[in-house]
Amino acid sequence: MSLDRDQRRRDADIKTSGETESSELCQLSPSGPVNASPLKSAPVLTKTKERISDPVIAAFIAGGVAGAVSRTIVSPLERLKILLQIQTVGREEYKLSIWRALVKIGKEEGWRGFMRGNGTNCIRIIPYSAVQFGSYNFYKKFAEPFPDAELSPIRRLLCGGAAGITSVTITYPLDIVRTRLSIQSASFAALGQRGTAEQLPGMFTTMVLIYKNEGGFVALYRGIVPTVAGVAPYVGLNFMTYESVRKYLTPDGDKNPSPWRKLLAGAISGAVAQTCTYPL
C-alpha cells in the first residue's frame, strides 16, 4: 500500500488532466494486482501526451497528416500535371483544357484514374511535410531573442528557408523515385498502350536500382542543388507570409479560431510564395 501511496503522490505532481483522472480512479479501486495496471499505464500516457504537446513534435505530426490530406485532395490535378508534362509535342489529343482533360481521365479510368500514383505521392509528402513543419518550429527556438518572443518577418523567412533545405535534403531520394514512377502512371489514350515490360518496379526496388546502377548516393541526390534553390525561398516566404496574415485573420486572443480563416491564410501565403519563386 505504501507503494500505491507513493505512486499517487507522483501522479498528483504531474499537471495534466489525464493524469489527475487516472489518479482518482486508482484511489477508488481496491488494492491488489488489478490496481497496478492503471497505475503503471498512467505515467506512460502522461509522458506520451507531454511529448506530443511539444511544439516541434506536434508540428511534425500535424505536418505529416496535413501533407497526406492535402495531397490526396489535389491528386486529380497532380495526375493531370504529370500527363501534361510528358505530353508529346504536336498531338492534338493533349491540347485540352483542364476540365476536358479531367473528364477524359474519368472516362478512360474512372475515379481510380484520379487517385493513381497518390500512394507514392503520400509516401513522399508525409515525411517531407512532417520534417518541414517540425524543423521550422525547431529553428524558431534558436531564432527567438528570448523564450516565446515573436519573430520578425526576416527571422521567419530564414527559419522557413532552413526548414525547406532540411526537408528536401532528408526526403530528396523519395522525390527522385516519385518522379520516375509518375511517368508510368501517365495515361491518356496513347500513353496507356505501353506494355508491362516498360513499367518501372515498386518504389523501394526503384531506389535500390538507382543506387546500384547509377552511382550510389550521388545518383539519389542528382539535381538537388536547383531543387533547394527553388524550395528554400518558397518555404521561407510561405511561412513568413502565413504568420503575418494569420495575425489578422485569427488574432491570438481568439479562443476558437476559425479553420476556414487558417485555410485562407494558408492559401494566401501559398499563392504569394509560389508567385514570387515561380521563375526558380
C-alpha atoms as a PDB file:
ATOM      1  CA  MET A   1       0.000   0.000   0.000  1.00  0.00           C
ATOM      2  CA  SER A   2       2.901   2.360   0.646  1.00  0.00           C
ATOM      3  CA  LEU A   3       3.955   1.927  -2.984  1.00  0.00           C
ATOM      4  CA  ASP A   4       0.465   2.845  -4.093  1.00  0.00           C
ATOM      5  CA  ARG A   5       0.517   5.986  -1.977  1.00  0.00           C
ATOM      6  CA  ASP A   6       3.930   6.984  -3.343  1.00  0.00           C
ATOM      7  CA  GLN A   7       2.725   6.438  -6.876  1.00  0.00           C
ATOM      8  CA  ARG A   8      -0.367   8.539  -6.264  1.00  0.00           C
ATOM      9  CA  ARG A   9       1.809  11.347  -4.900  1.00  0.00           C
ATOM     10  CA  ARG A  10       3.955  11.285  -8.038  1.00  0.00           C
ATOM     11  CA  ASP A  11       0.848  11.250 -10.206  1.00  0.00           C
ATOM     12  CA  ALA A  12      -0.529  14.279  -8.385  1.00  0.00           C
ATOM     13  CA  ASP A  13       2.625  16.259  -9.164  1.00  0.00           C
ATOM     14  CA  ILE A  14       2.046  15.945 -12.926  1.00  0.00           C
ATOM     15  CA  LYS A  15      -0.126  18.820 -14.040  1.00  0.00           C
ATOM     16  CA  THR A  16      -2.279  17.215 -16.689  1.00  0.00           C
ATOM     17  CA  SER A  17      -5.965  16.496 -16.690  1.00  0.00           C
ATOM     18  CA  GLY A  18      -5.499  12.951 -17.921  1.00  0.00           C
ATOM     19  CA  GLU A  19      -3.152  12.095 -15.035  1.00  0.00           C
ATOM     20  CA  THR A  20      -5.491  13.567 -12.471  1.00  0.00           C
ATOM     21  CA  GLU A  21      -8.354  11.417 -13.723  1.00  0.00           C
ATOM     22  CA  SER A  22      -6.182   8.288 -13.642  1.00  0.00           C
ATOM     23  CA  SER A  23      -5.086   9.005 -10.053  1.00  0.00           C
ATOM     24  CA  GLU A  24      -8.698   9.413  -8.898  1.00  0.00           C
ATOM     25  CA  LEU A  25      -9.701   6.123 -10.493  1.00  0.00           C
ATOM     26  CA  CYS A  26      -6.821   4.346  -8.750  1.00  0.00           C
ATOM     27  CA  GLN A  27      -7.854   5.723  -5.361  1.00  0.00           C
ATOM     28  CA  LEU A  28     -11.418   4.444  -5.786  1.00  0.00           C
ATOM     29  CA  SER A  29     -10.385   0.964  -6.923  1.00  0.00           C
ATOM     30  CA  PRO A  30      -9.471  -1.796  -4.423  1.00  0.00           C
ATOM     31  CA  SER A  31      -5.821  -2.537  -3.704  1.00  0.00           C
ATOM     32  CA  GLY A  32      -4.175  -5.549  -5.328  1.00  0.00           C
ATOM     33  CA  PRO A  33      -2.939  -6.696  -8.747  1.00  0.00           C
ATOM     34  CA  VAL A  34      -5.905  -5.070 -10.515  1.00  0.00           C
ATOM     35  CA  ASN A  35      -4.759  -1.682  -9.225  1.00  0.00           C
ATOM     36  CA  ALA A  36      -1.267  -1.991 -10.713  1.00  0.00           C
ATOM     37  CA  SER A  37      -2.268  -1.758 -14.381  1.00  0.00           C
ATOM     38  CA  PRO A  38      -3.790   1.759 -14.399  1.00  0.00           C
ATOM     39  CA  LEU A  39      -1.023   2.980 -12.089  1.00  0.00           C
ATOM     40  CA  LYS A  40       1.682   1.777 -14.461  1.00  0.00           C
ATOM     41  CA  SER A  41      -0.055   2.905 -17.643  1.00  0.00           C
ATOM     42  CA  ALA A  42      -0.903   6.386 -16.360  1.00  0.00           C
ATOM     43  CA  PRO A  43       2.694   7.714 -16.339  1.00  0.00           C
ATOM     44  CA  VAL A  44       3.256   6.278 -19.807  1.00  0.00           C
ATOM     45  CA  LEU A  45       0.172   8.033 -21.160  1.00  0.00           C
ATOM     46  CA  THR A  46       1.163  11.240 -19.431  1.00  0.00           C
ATOM     47  CA  LYS A  47       4.681  11.191 -20.843  1.00  0.00           C
ATOM     48  CA  THR A  48       3.256  10.488 -24.292  1.00  0.00           C
ATOM     49  CA  LYS A  49       0.901  13.459 -24.013  1.00  0.00           C
ATOM     50  CA  GLU A  50       3.727  15.684 -22.821  1.00  0.00           C
ATOM     51  CA  ARG A  51       5.946  14.673 -25.718  1.00  0.00           C
ATOM     52  CA  ILE A  52       3.203  15.153 -28.286  1.00  0.00           C
ATOM     53  CA  SER A  53       2.399  18.572 -26.835  1.00  0.00           C
ATOM     54  CA  ASP A  54       5.960  19.706 -27.542  1.00  0.00           C
ATOM     55  CA  PRO A  55       5.730  22.285 -30.369  1.00  0.00           C
ATOM     56  CA  VAL A  56       8.326  20.540 -32.535  1.00  0.00           C
ATOM     57  CA  ILE A  57       6.770  17.073 -32.250  1.00  0.00           C
ATOM     58  CA  ALA A  58       3.225  18.435 -32.590  1.00  0.00           C
ATOM     59  CA  ALA A  59       4.215  20.299 -35.742  1.00  0.00           C
ATOM     60  CA  PHE A  60       5.971  17.169 -37.051  1.00  0.00           C
ATOM     61  CA  ILE A  61       2.830  15.037 -36.654  1.00  0.00           C
ATOM     62  CA  ALA A  62       0.425  17.721 -37.867  1.00  0.00           C
ATOM     63  CA  GLY A  63       2.616  18.444 -40.880  1.00  0.00           C
ATOM     64  CA  GLY A  64       2.657  14.805 -41.945  1.00  0.00           C
ATOM     65  CA  VAL A  65      -1.109  14.434 -41.627  1.00  0.00           C
ATOM     66  CA  ALA A  66      -1.769  17.742 -43.390  1.00  0.00           C
ATOM     67  CA  GLY A  67       0.567  16.773 -46.218  1.00  0.00           C
ATOM     68  CA  ALA A  68      -1.214  13.471 -46.815  1.00  0.00           C
ATOM     69  CA  VAL A  69      -4.687  15.036 -46.707  1.00  0.00           C
ATOM     70  CA  SER A  70      -3.837  17.957 -48.977  1.00  0.00           C
ATOM     71  CA  ARG A  71      -2.018  15.751 -51.482  1.00  0.00           C
ATOM     72  CA  THR A  72      -4.966  13.345 -51.647  1.00  0.00           C
ATOM     73  CA  ILE A  73      -7.440  16.181 -52.213  1.00  0.00           C
ATOM     74  CA  VAL A  74      -5.460  17.605 -55.135  1.00  0.00           C
ATOM     75  CA  SER A  75      -4.488  14.187 -56.511  1.00  0.00           C
ATOM     76  CA  PRO A  76      -6.528  14.622 -59.746  1.00  0.00           C
ATOM     77  CA  LEU A  77      -4.692  17.866 -60.535  1.00  0.00           C
ATOM     78  CA  GLU A  78      -1.338  16.274 -59.672  1.00  0.00           C
ATOM     79  CA  ARG A  79      -2.089  13.410 -62.064  1.00  0.00           C
ATOM     80  CA  LEU A  80      -3.108  15.851 -64.780  1.00  0.00           C
ATOM     81  CA  LYS A  81       0.086  17.859 -64.277  1.00  0.00           C
ATOM     82  CA  ILE A  82       2.193  14.754 -64.882  1.00  0.00           C
ATOM     83  CA  LEU A  83       0.233  13.945 -68.037  1.00  0.00           C
ATOM     84  CA  LEU A  84       0.721  17.425 -69.443  1.00  0.00           C
ATOM     85  CA  GLN A  85       4.418  17.485 -68.544  1.00  0.00           C
ATOM     86  CA  ILE A  86       5.188  14.342 -70.561  1.00  0.00           C
ATOM     87  CA  GLN A  87       2.862  15.062 -73.453  1.00  0.00           C
ATOM     88  CA  THR A  88       4.058  14.520 -76.994  1.00  0.00           C
ATOM     89  CA  VAL A  89       4.577  17.754 -78.911  1.00  0.00           C
ATOM     90  CA  GLY A  90       2.124  18.277 -81.755  1.00  0.00           C
ATOM     91  CA  ARG A  91      -0.504  15.736 -80.689  1.00  0.00           C
ATOM     92  CA  GLU A  92      -3.997  17.170 -80.728  1.00  0.00           C
ATOM     93  CA  GLU A  93      -5.313  14.832 -78.034  1.00  0.00           C
ATOM     94  CA  TYR A  94      -3.173  16.592 -75.432  1.00  0.00           C
ATOM     95  CA  LYS A  95      -4.345  20.100 -76.325  1.00  0.00           C
ATOM     96  CA  LEU A  96      -7.200  20.036 -73.838  1.00  0.00           C
ATOM     97  CA  SER A  97      -8.419  22.436 -71.208  1.00  0.00           C
ATOM     98  CA  ILE A  98      -8.025  21.382 -67.586  1.00  0.00           C
ATOM     99  CA  TRP A  99     -11.693  20.443 -67.296  1.00  0.00           C
ATOM    100  CA  ARG A 100     -11.787  18.460 -70.562  1.00  0.00           C
ATOM    101  CA  ALA A 101      -8.580  16.652 -69.620  1.00  0.00           C
ATOM    102  CA  LEU A 102     -10.027  15.658 -66.248  1.00  0.00           C
ATOM    103  CA  VAL A 103     -13.186  14.413 -67.962  1.00  0.00           C
ATOM    104  CA  LYS A 104     -11.049  12.363 -70.353  1.00  0.00           C
ATOM    105  CA  ILE A 105      -9.204  10.734 -67.448  1.00  0.00           C
ATOM    106  CA  GLY A 106     -12.521   9.963 -65.773  1.00  0.00           C
ATOM    107  CA  LYS A 107     -13.928   8.315 -68.892  1.00  0.00           C
ATOM    108  CA  GLU A 108     -10.811   6.226 -69.515  1.00  0.00           C
ATOM    109  CA  GLU A 109     -10.059   5.065 -65.985  1.00  0.00           C
ATOM    110  CA  GLY A 110     -12.898   6.108 -63.689  1.00  0.00           C
ATOM    111  CA  TRP A 111     -12.332   7.552 -60.221  1.00  0.00           C
ATOM    112  CA  ARG A 112      -9.295   5.322 -59.715  1.00  0.00           C
ATOM    113  CA  GLY A 113      -7.560   7.196 -62.500  1.00  0.00           C
ATOM    114  CA  PHE A 114      -7.709  10.386 -60.451  1.00  0.00           C
ATOM    115  CA  MET A 115      -6.065   8.649 -57.482  1.00  0.00           C
ATOM    116  CA  ARG A 116      -3.449   6.695 -59.430  1.00  0.00           C
ATOM    117  CA  GLY A 117       0.020   7.434 -58.089  1.00  0.00           C
ATOM    118  CA  ASN A 118      -1.359   9.092 -54.951  1.00  0.00           C
ATOM    119  CA  GLY A 119       0.087   6.403 -52.701  1.00  0.00           C
ATOM    120  CA  THR A 120       3.573   7.146 -53.990  1.00  0.00           C
ATOM    121  CA  ASN A 121       2.976  10.872 -53.547  1.00  0.00           C
ATOM    122  CA  CYS A 122       1.840  10.363 -49.949  1.00  0.00           C
ATOM    123  CA  ILE A 123       4.879   8.219 -49.125  1.00  0.00           C
ATOM    124  CA  ARG A 124       6.995  11.180 -50.184  1.00  0.00           C
ATOM    125  CA  ILE A 125       4.893  14.065 -48.905  1.00  0.00           C
ATOM    126  CA  ILE A 126       4.234  12.725 -45.389  1.00  0.00           C
ATOM    127  CA  PRO A 127       7.894  12.752 -44.253  1.00  0.00           C
ATOM    128  CA  TYR A 128       8.570  15.879 -46.332  1.00  0.00           C
ATOM    129  CA  SER A 129       5.801  17.922 -44.691  1.00  0.00           C
ATOM    130  CA  ALA A 130       6.483  16.450 -41.258  1.00  0.00           C
ATOM    131  CA  VAL A 131      10.178  17.348 -41.392  1.00  0.00           C
ATOM    132  CA  GLN A 132       9.415  20.782 -42.829  1.00  0.00           C
ATOM    133  CA  PHE A 133       6.957  21.834 -40.118  1.00  0.00           C
ATOM    134  CA  GLY A 134       8.895  20.141 -37.330  1.00  0.00           C
ATOM    135  CA  SER A 135      12.223  21.680 -38.309  1.00  0.00           C
ATOM    136  CA  TYR A 136      10.618  25.118 -38.716  1.00  0.00           C
ATOM    137  CA  ASN A 137       9.458  25.047 -35.101  1.00  0.00           C
ATOM    138  CA  PHE A 138      12.846  23.661 -34.071  1.00  0.00           C
ATOM    139  CA  TYR A 139      14.747  26.501 -35.750  1.00  0.00           C
ATOM    140  CA  LYS A 140      12.351  29.056 -34.288  1.00  0.00           C
ATOM    141  CA  LYS A 141      13.632  28.204 -30.813  1.00  0.00           C
ATOM    142  CA  PHE A 142      17.128  29.325 -31.784  1.00  0.00           C
ATOM    143  CA  ALA A 143      15.923  32.421 -33.622  1.00  0.00           C
ATOM    144  CA  GLU A 144      13.893  33.792 -30.701  1.00  0.00           C
ATOM    145  CA  PRO A 145      15.692  36.673 -28.930  1.00  0.00           C
ATOM    146  CA  PHE A 146      14.080  35.390 -25.710  1.00  0.00           C
ATOM    147  CA  PRO A 147      11.660  32.494 -24.939  1.00  0.00           C
ATOM    148  CA  ASP A 148       8.206  32.806 -26.538  1.00  0.00           C
ATOM    149  CA  ALA A 149       9.217  36.009 -28.313  1.00  0.00           C
ATOM    150  CA  GLU A 150       7.513  36.900 -31.582  1.00  0.00           C
ATOM    151  CA  LEU A 151       9.839  36.528 -34.545  1.00  0.00           C
ATOM    152  CA  SER A 152      10.402  39.289 -37.052  1.00  0.00           C
ATOM    153  CA  PRO A 153       9.444  38.594 -40.688  1.00  0.00           C
ATOM    154  CA  ILE A 154      13.117  38.249 -41.650  1.00  0.00           C
ATOM    155  CA  ARG A 155      13.728  35.623 -38.966  1.00  0.00           C
ATOM    156  CA  ARG A 156      10.635  33.726 -40.066  1.00  0.00           C
ATOM    157  CA  LEU A 157      11.938  33.834 -43.612  1.00  0.00           C
ATOM    158  CA  LEU A 158      15.306  32.434 -42.525  1.00  0.00           C
ATOM    159  CA  CYS A 159      13.746  29.720 -40.349  1.00  0.00           C
ATOM    160  CA  GLY A 160      11.407  28.737 -43.164  1.00  0.00           C
ATOM    161  CA  GLY A 161      14.246  28.617 -45.666  1.00  0.00           C
ATOM    162  CA  ALA A 162      16.296  26.419 -43.328  1.00  0.00           C
ATOM    163  CA  ALA A 163      13.275  24.147 -42.837  1.00  0.00           C
ATOM    164  CA  GLY A 164      12.857  23.848 -46.600  1.00  0.00           C
ATOM    165  CA  ILE A 165      16.504  22.884 -47.063  1.00  0.00           C
ATOM    166  CA  THR A 166      16.258  20.325 -44.250  1.00  0.00           C
ATOM    167  CA  SER A 167      13.112  18.662 -45.592  1.00  0.00           C
ATOM    168  CA  VAL A 168      14.436  18.491 -49.155  1.00  0.00           C
ATOM    169  CA  THR A 169      17.791  17.064 -48.073  1.00  0.00           C
ATOM    170  CA  ILE A 170      16.219  14.302 -45.992  1.00  0.00           C
ATOM    171  CA  THR A 171      13.497  13.250 -48.446  1.00  0.00           C
ATOM    172  CA  TYR A 172      15.065  14.011 -51.842  1.00  0.00           C
ATOM    173  CA  PRO A 173      15.671  10.333 -52.772  1.00  0.00           C
ATOM    174  CA  LEU A 174      11.915   9.777 -52.421  1.00  0.00           C
ATOM    175  CA  ASP A 175      11.324  12.670 -54.807  1.00  0.00           C
ATOM    176  CA  ILE A 176      13.660  11.111 -57.383  1.00  0.00           C
ATOM    177  CA  VAL A 177      11.793   7.804 -57.173  1.00  0.00           C
ATOM    178  CA  ARG A 178       8.389   9.513 -57.266  1.00  0.00           C
ATOM    179  CA  THR A 179       9.339  11.356 -60.456  1.00  0.00           C
ATOM    180  CA  ARG A 180      10.363   8.123 -62.140  1.00  0.00           C
ATOM    181  CA  LEU A 181       7.265   6.248 -61.057  1.00  0.00           C
ATOM    182  CA  SER A 182       4.960   9.114 -62.033  1.00  0.00           C
ATOM    183  CA  ILE A 183       5.833   8.540 -65.681  1.00  0.00           C
ATOM    184  CA  GLN A 184       4.475   5.002 -65.662  1.00  0.00           C
ATOM    185  CA  SER A 185       1.159   6.219 -64.239  1.00  0.00           C
ATOM    186  CA  ALA A 186       0.586   8.555 -67.208  1.00  0.00           C
ATOM    187  CA  SER A 187      -2.428   7.521 -69.228  1.00  0.00           C
ATOM    188  CA  PHE A 188      -4.312   9.401 -71.933  1.00  0.00           C
ATOM    189  CA  ALA A 189      -5.030   7.008 -74.778  1.00  0.00           C
ATOM    190  CA  ALA A 190      -1.576   6.784 -76.401  1.00  0.00           C
ATOM    191  CA  LEU A 191       0.375   6.530 -73.154  1.00  0.00           C
ATOM    192  CA  GLY A 192      -1.961   3.889 -71.800  1.00  0.00           C
ATOM    193  CA  GLN A 193      -0.984   1.478 -74.561  1.00  0.00           C
ATOM    194  CA  ARG A 194       2.546   0.865 -73.277  1.00  0.00           C
ATOM    195  CA  GLY A 195       3.419  -2.710 -72.458  1.00  0.00           C
ATOM    196  CA  THR A 196       4.041  -4.015 -68.971  1.00  0.00           C
ATOM    197  CA  ALA A 197       7.706  -4.531 -69.826  1.00  0.00           C
ATOM    198  CA  GLU A 198       8.160  -0.754 -69.871  1.00  0.00           C
ATOM    199  CA  GLN A 199       6.729  -0.261 -66.411  1.00  0.00           C
ATOM    200  CA  LEU A 200       9.052   0.503 -63.529  1.00  0.00           C
ATOM    201  CA  PRO A 201       9.163  -1.698 -60.402  1.00  0.00           C
ATOM    202  CA  GLY A 202       7.994  -0.599 -56.976  1.00  0.00           C
ATOM    203  CA  MET A 203       9.244   2.402 -55.040  1.00  0.00           C
ATOM    204  CA  PHE A 204      11.810   0.649 -52.846  1.00  0.00           C
ATOM    205  CA  THR A 205      13.058  -1.519 -55.710  1.00  0.00           C
ATOM    206  CA  THR A 206      13.461   1.539 -57.918  1.00  0.00           C
ATOM    207  CA  MET A 207      15.502   3.288 -55.242  1.00  0.00           C
ATOM    208  CA  VAL A 208      17.779   0.246 -54.894  1.00  0.00           C
ATOM    209  CA  LEU A 209      18.237   0.030 -58.676  1.00  0.00           C
ATOM    210  CA  ILE A 210      19.157   3.712 -58.892  1.00  0.00           C
ATOM    211  CA  TYR A 211      21.644   3.268 -56.061  1.00  0.00           C
ATOM    212  CA  LYS A 212      23.278   0.185 -57.605  1.00  0.00           C
ATOM    213  CA  ASN A 213      23.269   1.127 -61.284  1.00  0.00           C
ATOM    214  CA  GLU A 214      23.599   4.912 -61.397  1.00  0.00           C
ATOM    215  CA  GLY A 215      26.287   5.871 -58.904  1.00  0.00           C
ATOM    216  CA  GLY A 216      25.171   5.248 -55.323  1.00  0.00           C
ATOM    217  CA  PHE A 217      24.059   8.144 -53.126  1.00  0.00           C
ATOM    218  CA  VAL A 218      25.174  10.661 -55.728  1.00  0.00           C
ATOM    219  CA  ALA A 219      22.504   9.326 -58.088  1.00  0.00           C
ATOM    220  CA  LEU A 220      19.823   9.584 -55.406  1.00  0.00           C
ATOM    221  CA  TYR A 221      20.674  13.264 -54.897  1.00  0.00           C
ATOM    222  CA  ARG A 222      21.116  14.222 -58.534  1.00  0.00           C
ATOM    223  CA  GLY A 223      19.526  17.622 -59.179  1.00  0.00           C
ATOM    224  CA  ILE A 224      19.221  18.602 -55.524  1.00  0.00           C
ATOM    225  CA  VAL A 225      21.023  21.955 -55.929  1.00  0.00           C
ATOM    226  CA  PRO A 226      18.443  23.578 -58.248  1.00  0.00           C
ATOM    227  CA  THR A 227      15.692  21.976 -56.180  1.00  0.00           C
ATOM    228  CA  VAL A 228      16.989  23.559 -52.981  1.00  0.00           C
ATOM    229  CA  ALA A 229      17.426  26.877 -54.793  1.00  0.00           C
ATOM    230  CA  GLY A 230      13.706  26.877 -55.527  1.00  0.00           C
ATOM    231  CA  VAL A 231      12.370  25.282 -52.344  1.00  0.00           C
ATOM    232  CA  ALA A 232      14.275  27.323 -49.736  1.00  0.00           C
ATOM    233  CA  PRO A 233      12.891  30.753 -50.737  1.00  0.00           C
ATOM    234  CA  TYR A 234       9.443  29.266 -51.396  1.00  0.00           C
ATOM    235  CA  VAL A 235       9.132  27.676 -47.959  1.00  0.00           C
ATOM    236  CA  GLY A 236      10.642  30.733 -46.285  1.00  0.00           C
ATOM    237  CA  LEU A 237       8.180  33.101 -47.955  1.00  0.00           C
ATOM    238  CA  ASN A 238       5.342  30.688 -47.260  1.00  0.00           C
ATOM    239  CA  PHE A 239       5.938  30.601 -43.508  1.00  0.00           C
ATOM    240  CA  MET A 240       6.720  34.313 -43.306  1.00  0.00           C
ATOM    241  CA  THR A 241       3.541  35.310 -45.145  1.00  0.00           C
ATOM    242  CA  TYR A 242       1.374  32.812 -43.282  1.00  0.00           C
ATOM    243  CA  GLU A 243       2.472  34.007 -39.844  1.00  0.00           C
ATOM    244  CA  SER A 244       1.931  37.631 -40.867  1.00  0.00           C
ATOM    245  CA  VAL A 245      -1.511  37.078 -42.408  1.00  0.00           C
ATOM    246  CA  ARG A 246      -2.681  34.764 -39.636  1.00  0.00           C
ATOM    247  CA  LYS A 247      -2.306  37.526 -37.021  1.00  0.00           C
ATOM    248  CA  TYR A 248      -5.044  39.499 -38.758  1.00  0.00           C
ATOM    249  CA  LEU A 249      -7.334  36.605 -39.669  1.00  0.00           C
ATOM    250  CA  THR A 250      -7.011  34.687 -36.387  1.00  0.00           C
ATOM    251  CA  PRO A 251      -5.895  37.045 -33.584  1.00  0.00           C
ATOM    252  CA  ASP A 252      -4.065  35.499 -30.639  1.00  0.00           C
ATOM    253  CA  GLY A 253      -6.887  36.399 -28.256  1.00  0.00           C
ATOM    254  CA  ASP A 254      -9.408  34.373 -30.248  1.00  0.00           C
ATOM    255  CA  LYS A 255     -10.136  31.213 -28.232  1.00  0.00           C
ATOM    256  CA  ASN A 256     -11.844  29.433 -31.135  1.00  0.00           C
ATOM    257  CA  PRO A 257     -10.077  30.471 -34.350  1.00  0.00           C
ATOM    258  CA  SER A 258     -11.964  29.520 -37.479  1.00  0.00           C
ATOM    259  CA  PRO A 259     -10.305  26.733 -39.508  1.00  0.00           C
ATOM    260  CA  TRP A 260     -11.568  28.459 -42.659  1.00  0.00           C
ATOM    261  CA  ARG A 261      -9.603  31.579 -41.776  1.00  0.00           C
ATOM    262  CA  LYS A 262      -6.495  29.466 -41.254  1.00  0.00           C
ATOM    263  CA  LEU A 263      -7.166  27.839 -44.607  1.00  0.00           C
ATOM    264  CA  LEU A 264      -7.477  31.275 -46.194  1.00  0.00           C
ATOM    265  CA  ALA A 265      -4.195  32.354 -44.591  1.00  0.00           C
ATOM    266  CA  GLY A 266      -2.520  29.242 -45.983  1.00  0.00           C
ATOM    267  CA  ALA A 267      -3.954  29.855 -49.444  1.00  0.00           C
ATOM    268  CA  ILE A 268      -2.753  33.463 -49.454  1.00  0.00           C
ATOM    269  CA  SER A 269       0.737  32.536 -48.253  1.00  0.00           C
ATOM    270  CA  GLY A 270       0.999  29.721 -50.791  1.00  0.00           C
ATOM    271  CA  ALA A 271      -0.079  31.986 -53.640  1.00  0.00           C
ATOM    272  CA  VAL A 272       2.372  34.715 -52.639  1.00  0.00           C
ATOM    273  CA  ALA A 273       5.279  32.291 -52.240  1.00  0.00           C
ATOM    274  CA  GLN A 274       4.526  30.489 -55.499  1.00  0.00           C
ATOM    275  CA  THR A 275       4.214  33.738 -57.443  1.00  0.00           C
ATOM    276  CA  CYS A 276       7.471  35.157 -56.087  1.00  0.00           C
ATOM    277  CA  THR A 277       9.513  31.990 -56.651  1.00  0.00           C
ATOM    278  CA  TYR A 278       7.887  30.670 -59.842  1.00  0.00           C
ATOM    279  CA  PRO A 279      10.849  31.620 -62.095  1.00  0.00           C
ATOM    280  CA  LEU A 280      13.074  29.449 -59.880  1.00  0.00           C
END
